[in-house]
Amino acid sequence: MVTLDVFRIFILVLLSMFTSPSKLPQRSWGAEFVCRIYKCLVKESIGKPITWIRTRQERLTAFSFDMLKVNKSFKYVAGVAFTSFTPKQVDDSDTLIIYLHGGGYVVGSVAVYALTMARIALQTNAKVIAPEYRLAPEHALPAAQDDCLAVVLEILNDEANKDKKIILMGDSAGGGLCLATLKSLNNIDNEKNIDACVLISPWLVATDNDRVEQKNEQYDVLGMDILSYIQGMIIKDKQTQEQYLNFMDMDVSILPPLYIQAGSVEVLGKQISEFAARLEQANADYQYDVFEHQFHVFQVFAPLVKEEVEAIKRIGSFVAGVEAYKDDFKLDKRLA
């Protein structure tokens, strides 16, 4: 049944590319094709059991020969399973990336994101660690945040990583998990901190849809219907969960150097731009790139979405420019 559903969606979308070929000028044929596939999957997901969505998402996972260029290993950190991806030509990278996958806190997995993580590892010559954090609704928030914080703390405090550059990275809800982790770390007196953070189309306000641009629904994979459906699964007590799901008013002075990417026609664009404006006003160390006519997390849909190549390349450039955290900087920050 799962395979038939995926095949049916694939054929219907393929036919639509010929019967209704119009697309945004700066969106490639492959990007439009992928956007329509996932838009169709999302539309059919409304009201379905969470297992229905997860299994079909996994069947749509793409393959690339880039997967053959990395070594994979499976371990546990702080009781949380994780997979690491390391370029085969790299013996011991001085950069370690902790990648928190997206999926609205309810779907997504390391298997689904394997190609994205492999491509980031290859572009940055870094080891990418991807934790399999607990998902809602089986595990209510803040279970996901607890898992991510535990993994990050153990990695930071591992003597083997003492001189390594540690980058936190995440897309969509994974971007929210990055910010939740950074907020928690700010309250912990830890010897080593995160050196920088990369947010890919971060979902910054999951408690309401006031900052969702409905005009972009026709161009994006997300819409009010699927966001509301996910919110119904993850929000059990808005008052107590607000701190885990709304980052618009967080203290941006606690953040390390940030690099943010977004698509110009995604429904989350408004909240991402507002967050970037707050960073600008605070004179924070950040970079913000908006990719014209691109949809939510287009970066994770290699190899069909060719625009992903430039986006991953820019992530690589940012990571290369990050300097490893120094103890004297920590001292200066405390004295400031």
Protein backbone atom coordinates (compact mmCIF):
# COMPACT_ATOMS: atom_id res chain seq x y z
CA MET A 1 0.00 0.00 0.00
CA VAL A 2 2.80 2.44 0.89
CA THR A 3 4.63 1.81 -2.37
CA LEU A 4 1.41 2.16 -4.36
CA ASP A 5 0.64 5.49 -2.68
CA VAL A 6 4.10 6.86 -3.43
CA PHE A 7 3.95 5.61 -7.03
CA ARG A 8 0.50 7.14 -7.51
CA ILE A 9 1.65 10.52 -6.19
CA PHE A 10 4.75 10.39 -8.38
CA ILE A 11 2.73 9.68 -11.55
CA LEU A 12 0.05 12.29 -10.79
CA VAL A 13 2.64 14.98 -10.20
CA LEU A 14 4.65 13.98 -13.26
CA LEU A 15 1.52 14.32 -15.42
CA SER A 16 0.75 17.70 -13.85
CA MET A 17 4.19 18.95 -14.91
CA PHE A 18 3.06 18.56 -18.52
CA THR A 19 -0.58 19.57 -18.19
CA SER A 20 0.20 22.58 -15.95
CA PRO A 21 3.86 23.39 -16.64
CA SER A 22 3.89 26.96 -15.28
CA LYS A 23 6.39 27.63 -12.48
CA LEU A 24 8.15 30.53 -10.85
CA PRO A 25 10.89 31.98 -13.12
CA GLN A 26 13.83 31.22 -10.84
CA ARG A 27 12.67 27.75 -9.85
CA SER A 28 14.10 24.83 -11.83
CA TRP A 29 11.96 22.06 -13.29
CA GLY A 30 13.36 19.64 -10.72
CA ALA A 31 12.58 22.01 -7.83
CA GLU A 32 9.01 22.48 -9.05
CA PHE A 33 8.58 18.73 -9.46
CA VAL A 34 9.81 18.01 -5.92
CA CYS A 35 7.74 20.83 -4.46
CA ARG A 36 4.57 19.44 -6.06
CA ILE A 37 5.32 15.90 -4.87
CA TYR A 38 5.73 16.95 -1.26
CA LYS A 39 2.83 19.38 -1.45
CA CYS A 40 0.66 16.47 -2.60
CA LEU A 41 1.99 14.22 0.18
CA VAL A 42 1.37 16.93 2.77
CA LYS A 43 -2.18 17.50 1.50
CA GLU A 44 -2.98 13.79 1.75
CA SER A 45 -1.44 13.62 5.24
CA ILE A 46 -4.10 15.78 6.87
CA GLY A 47 -6.02 13.62 9.33
CA LYS A 48 -3.91 10.52 8.67
CA PRO A 49 -2.15 8.59 11.46
CA ILE A 50 1.39 9.74 12.06
CA THR A 51 2.74 6.34 10.97
CA TRP A 52 1.08 6.86 7.56
CA ILE A 53 3.01 10.08 7.05
CA ARG A 54 6.33 8.68 8.28
CA THR A 55 6.34 5.57 6.12
CA ARG A 56 5.51 7.49 2.94
CA GLN A 57 8.12 10.13 3.67
CA GLU A 58 10.74 7.40 4.04
CA ARG A 59 9.79 5.86 0.68
CA LEU A 60 10.36 9.21 -1.04
CA THR A 61 13.96 9.37 0.16
CA ALA A 62 16.35 9.92 -2.75
CA PHE A 63 19.72 8.29 -3.39
CA SER A 64 22.92 9.83 -4.70
CA PHE A 65 26.43 8.50 -5.23
CA ASP A 66 27.49 11.04 -2.60
CA MET A 67 26.34 8.44 -0.08
CA LEU A 68 29.24 6.26 -1.23
CA LYS A 69 31.74 9.03 -0.45
CA VAL A 70 31.13 9.05 3.30
CA ASN A 71 31.67 6.60 6.12
CA LYS A 72 28.71 5.99 8.42
CA SER A 73 28.81 4.82 11.99
CA PHE A 74 26.11 4.18 14.58
CA LYS A 75 26.54 4.89 18.28
CA TYR A 76 24.78 6.24 21.34
CA VAL A 77 25.44 9.58 23.02
CA ALA A 78 23.75 10.31 26.36
CA GLY A 79 21.45 7.36 25.71
CA VAL A 80 20.33 8.77 22.34
CA ALA A 81 21.05 6.86 19.13
CA PHE A 82 22.92 8.79 16.47
CA THR A 83 24.52 8.29 13.07
CA SER A 84 27.70 10.04 12.02
CA PHE A 85 28.71 10.87 8.44
CA THR A 86 32.40 11.50 7.70
CA PRO A 87 34.00 12.08 4.27
CA LYS A 88 36.13 9.08 3.36
CA GLN A 89 39.09 11.32 2.53
CA VAL A 90 39.04 12.84 6.02
CA ASP A 91 40.86 11.00 8.81
CA ASP A 92 40.09 13.29 11.72
CA SER A 93 38.26 16.51 10.93
CA ASP A 94 38.77 19.53 13.18
CA THR A 95 35.10 20.43 12.61
CA LEU A 96 32.14 18.59 14.09
CA ILE A 97 28.56 19.41 13.03
CA ILE A 98 25.57 18.36 15.12
CA TYR A 99 22.59 18.24 12.75
CA LEU A 100 19.04 18.32 14.16
CA HIS A 101 16.64 17.22 11.44
CA GLY A 102 13.28 18.84 10.76
CA GLY A 103 9.83 17.36 10.45
CA GLY A 104 7.57 19.43 12.67
CA TYR A 105 8.69 17.49 15.75
CA VAL A 106 6.53 14.56 14.54
CA VAL A 107 8.22 13.13 11.42
CA GLY A 108 11.70 12.94 9.95
CA SER A 109 14.60 10.68 10.82
CA VAL A 110 18.30 10.26 10.19
CA ALA A 111 17.46 7.83 7.36
CA VAL A 112 15.28 10.43 5.62
CA TYR A 113 18.00 13.09 5.99
CA ALA A 114 20.99 10.87 5.28
CA LEU A 115 21.79 12.36 1.86
CA THR A 116 21.52 15.93 3.18
CA MET A 117 23.91 15.16 6.01
CA ALA A 118 26.32 13.36 3.69
CA ARG A 119 26.40 16.32 1.32
CA ILE A 120 27.00 18.75 4.18
CA ALA A 121 29.82 16.53 5.46
CA LEU A 122 31.42 16.49 2.01
CA GLN A 123 31.05 20.24 1.51
CA THR A 124 32.49 21.12 4.92
CA ASN A 125 35.02 18.28 5.28
CA ALA A 126 33.44 17.78 8.68
CA LYS A 127 32.04 14.94 10.72
CA VAL A 128 28.26 15.30 10.90
CA ILE A 129 26.50 13.79 13.90
CA ALA A 130 22.73 13.29 13.65
CA PRO A 131 20.79 12.30 16.79
CA GLU A 132 17.58 10.28 16.53
CA TYR A 133 15.68 12.40 19.03
CA ARG A 134 12.25 11.38 20.30
CA LEU A 135 9.23 12.49 18.29
CA ALA A 136 5.75 13.66 19.22
CA PRO A 137 2.97 12.74 19.70
CA GLU A 138 4.35 9.55 21.32
CA HIS A 139 6.87 11.64 23.25
CA ALA A 140 5.50 15.03 24.22
CA LEU A 141 7.71 18.09 24.12
CA PRO A 142 10.16 18.87 25.61
CA ALA A 143 11.36 15.27 25.07
CA ALA A 144 12.97 16.25 21.74
CA GLN A 145 14.70 19.25 23.30
CA ASP A 146 15.90 17.14 26.24
CA ASP A 147 17.48 14.60 23.89
CA CYS A 148 19.20 17.25 21.77
CA LEU A 149 20.57 19.09 24.80
CA ALA A 150 21.89 15.87 26.32
CA VAL A 151 23.67 14.93 23.08
CA VAL A 152 25.17 18.40 22.63
CA LEU A 153 26.43 18.56 26.22
CA GLU A 154 28.11 15.16 26.02
CA ILE A 155 29.78 16.06 22.73
CA LEU A 156 30.97 19.42 24.07
CA ASN A 157 32.42 17.79 27.16
CA ASP A 158 34.13 14.92 25.36
CA GLU A 159 37.87 15.41 25.77
CA ALA A 160 38.38 14.24 22.17
CA ASN A 161 36.47 17.31 20.98
CA LYS A 162 38.31 19.81 23.15
CA ASP A 163 40.05 21.57 20.25
CA LYS A 164 37.39 20.93 17.61
CA LYS A 165 35.08 23.49 16.05
CA ILE A 166 31.52 22.55 17.05
CA ILE A 167 28.68 23.74 14.81
CA LEU A 168 24.98 23.30 15.60
CA MET A 169 22.76 23.00 12.53
CA GLY A 170 19.10 22.27 11.85
CA ASP A 171 16.24 22.77 9.42
CA SER A 172 12.60 23.72 10.06
CA ALA A 173 11.65 22.32 13.49
CA GLY A 174 15.30 21.30 13.77
CA GLY A 175 16.12 25.00 13.67
CA GLY A 176 13.80 25.47 16.63
CA LEU A 177 15.61 22.64 18.41
CA CYS A 178 18.91 24.43 17.78
CA LEU A 179 17.62 27.61 19.42
CA ALA A 180 16.07 25.69 22.32
CA THR A 181 19.42 24.00 22.88
CA LEU A 182 21.29 27.31 22.81
CA LYS A 183 18.83 28.81 25.31
CA SER A 184 19.40 25.88 27.67
CA LEU A 185 23.18 26.02 27.27
CA ASN A 186 23.11 29.67 28.29
CA ASN A 187 21.89 28.56 31.72
CA ILE A 188 24.62 25.97 32.12
CA ASP A 189 28.17 26.84 33.16
CA ASN A 190 29.95 24.69 30.59
CA GLU A 191 33.65 24.87 29.79
CA LYS A 192 33.14 24.60 26.01
CA ASN A 193 30.36 26.20 23.98
CA ILE A 194 28.90 25.98 20.49
CA ASP A 195 31.07 27.89 17.99
CA ALA A 196 28.33 28.75 15.49
CA CYS A 197 24.84 27.79 14.36
CA VAL A 198 23.19 27.29 10.95
CA LEU A 199 19.41 27.58 10.65
CA ILE A 200 17.75 26.34 7.46
CA SER A 201 14.17 27.64 7.10
CA PRO A 202 13.71 27.54 10.89
CA TRP A 203 10.18 27.16 12.32
CA LEU A 204 10.42 29.93 14.89
CA VAL A 205 6.81 30.19 16.07
CA ALA A 206 5.03 26.85 16.33
CA THR A 207 2.46 27.99 18.88
CA ASP A 208 0.33 30.07 16.50
CA ASN A 209 0.06 31.05 12.83
CA ASP A 210 0.02 34.83 13.10
CA ARG A 211 3.38 35.00 11.36
CA VAL A 212 2.50 32.56 8.55
CA GLU A 213 2.32 34.10 5.07
CA GLN A 214 -0.78 32.54 3.58
CA LYS A 215 -0.16 34.26 0.24
CA ASN A 216 2.79 31.90 -0.29
CA GLU A 217 0.82 28.69 0.22
CA GLN A 218 0.44 28.16 -3.53
CA TYR A 219 4.23 28.17 -3.96
CA ASP A 220 5.33 26.28 -0.85
CA VAL A 221 5.10 22.71 0.40
CA LEU A 222 3.60 23.95 3.67
CA GLY A 223 0.26 25.57 4.35
CA MET A 224 -2.04 26.54 7.20
CA ASP A 225 -3.78 23.16 7.10
CA ILE A 226 -0.70 21.01 7.69
CA LEU A 227 0.76 23.46 10.23
CA SER A 228 -2.50 23.39 12.20
CA TYR A 229 -2.59 19.58 12.02
CA ILE A 230 0.97 19.31 13.37
CA GLN A 231 0.27 21.87 16.07
CA GLY A 232 -2.61 19.71 17.24
CA MET A 233 -0.16 16.85 17.78
CA ILE A 234 2.61 18.76 19.53
CA ILE A 235 0.82 21.40 21.59
CA LYS A 236 -0.81 19.96 24.69
CA ASP A 237 -0.39 22.92 27.04
CA LYS A 238 0.40 26.11 25.15
CA GLN A 239 1.27 28.11 28.24
CA THR A 240 3.95 25.71 29.44
CA GLN A 241 5.20 24.74 25.96
CA GLU A 242 5.50 28.31 24.64
CA GLN A 243 9.14 28.51 25.71
CA TYR A 244 9.98 25.44 23.62
CA LEU A 245 8.16 26.53 20.47
CA ASN A 246 8.35 30.32 20.22
CA PHE A 247 11.76 31.94 19.72
CA MET A 248 10.75 35.34 18.36
CA ASP A 249 11.35 37.15 21.65
CA MET A 250 14.37 35.21 22.86
CA ASP A 251 17.50 37.02 23.98
CA VAL A 252 19.56 37.06 20.79
CA SER A 253 22.63 38.31 22.64
CA ILE A 254 23.25 34.75 23.88
CA LEU A 255 23.55 33.35 20.35
CA PRO A 256 26.84 32.38 18.68
CA PRO A 257 27.54 33.48 15.10
CA LEU A 258 24.49 32.55 13.02
CA TYR A 259 23.90 31.72 9.38
CA ILE A 260 20.27 31.60 8.23
CA GLN A 261 18.85 30.43 4.90
CA ALA A 262 15.26 30.71 3.68
CA GLY A 263 13.25 30.60 0.48
CA SER A 264 11.57 33.78 -0.72
CA VAL A 265 8.15 32.15 -1.16
CA GLU A 266 7.89 29.92 1.88
CA VAL A 267 5.06 30.47 4.34
CA LEU A 268 7.52 30.82 7.23
CA GLY A 269 9.36 33.65 5.47
CA LYS A 270 7.73 36.40 7.51
CA GLN A 271 8.80 35.06 10.89
CA ILE A 272 12.31 34.29 9.64
CA SER A 273 12.73 37.82 8.27
CA GLU A 274 11.43 39.32 11.53
CA PHE A 275 13.94 37.25 13.48
CA ALA A 276 16.74 38.41 11.18
CA ALA A 277 15.62 42.02 11.72
CA ARG A 278 15.95 41.51 15.49
CA LEU A 279 19.46 40.18 14.97
CA GLU A 280 20.30 43.24 12.87
CA GLN A 281 18.90 45.60 15.47
CA ALA A 282 20.95 43.89 18.17
CA ASN A 283 24.07 44.14 16.03
CA ALA A 284 24.44 40.37 16.26
CA ASP A 285 26.99 38.34 14.33
CA TYR A 286 24.82 36.78 11.63
CA GLN A 287 24.36 36.20 7.90
CA TYR A 288 21.01 35.81 6.17
CA ASP A 289 20.49 34.48 2.65
CA VAL A 290 17.12 34.38 0.89
CA PHE A 291 16.91 32.18 -2.21
CA GLU A 292 14.58 33.61 -4.81
CA HIS A 293 11.43 31.59 -5.60
CA GLN A 294 12.48 28.65 -3.41
CA PHE A 295 10.23 26.69 -1.06
CA HIS A 296 10.59 25.45 2.52
CA VAL A 297 13.84 23.49 3.11
CA PHE A 298 14.56 23.04 -0.61
CA GLN A 299 18.15 22.36 0.53
CA VAL A 300 17.28 18.83 1.67
CA PHE A 301 15.95 17.60 -1.68
CA ALA A 302 19.11 16.66 -3.56
CA PRO A 303 19.76 15.56 -6.21
CA LEU A 304 16.63 16.73 -8.09
CA VAL A 305 16.69 20.31 -6.76
CA LYS A 306 19.78 21.82 -8.38
CA GLU A 307 19.41 25.06 -6.41
CA GLU A 308 20.42 23.02 -3.37
CA VAL A 309 24.01 22.93 -4.65
CA GLU A 310 24.59 26.67 -4.16
CA ALA A 311 22.85 26.64 -0.78
CA ILE A 312 25.04 23.82 0.58
CA LYS A 313 28.11 25.52 -0.89
CA ARG A 314 27.29 28.70 1.06
CA ILE A 315 26.88 26.66 4.24
CA GLY A 316 30.33 25.23 3.59
CA SER A 317 31.79 28.73 3.19
CA PHE A 318 30.21 29.86 6.45
CA VAL A 319 31.49 26.86 8.38
CA ALA A 320 34.98 27.35 6.96
CA GLY A 321 34.98 30.94 8.20
CA VAL A 322 33.99 30.10 11.77
CA GLU A 323 36.76 30.25 14.34
CA ALA A 324 36.88 27.68 17.11
CA TYR A 325 35.66 28.82 20.54
CA LYS A 326 38.42 30.13 22.77
CA ASP A 327 38.49 30.20 26.57
CA ASP A 328 39.84 33.76 26.60
CA PHE A 329 36.77 34.85 24.61
CA LYS A 330 34.57 33.27 27.27
CA LEU A 331 36.43 35.21 29.95
CA ASP A 332 36.09 38.48 28.03
CA LYS A 333 32.36 37.83 27.58
CA ARG A 334 31.88 37.31 31.34
CA LEU A 335 33.75 40.50 32.16
CA ALA A 336 31.85 42.56 29.59
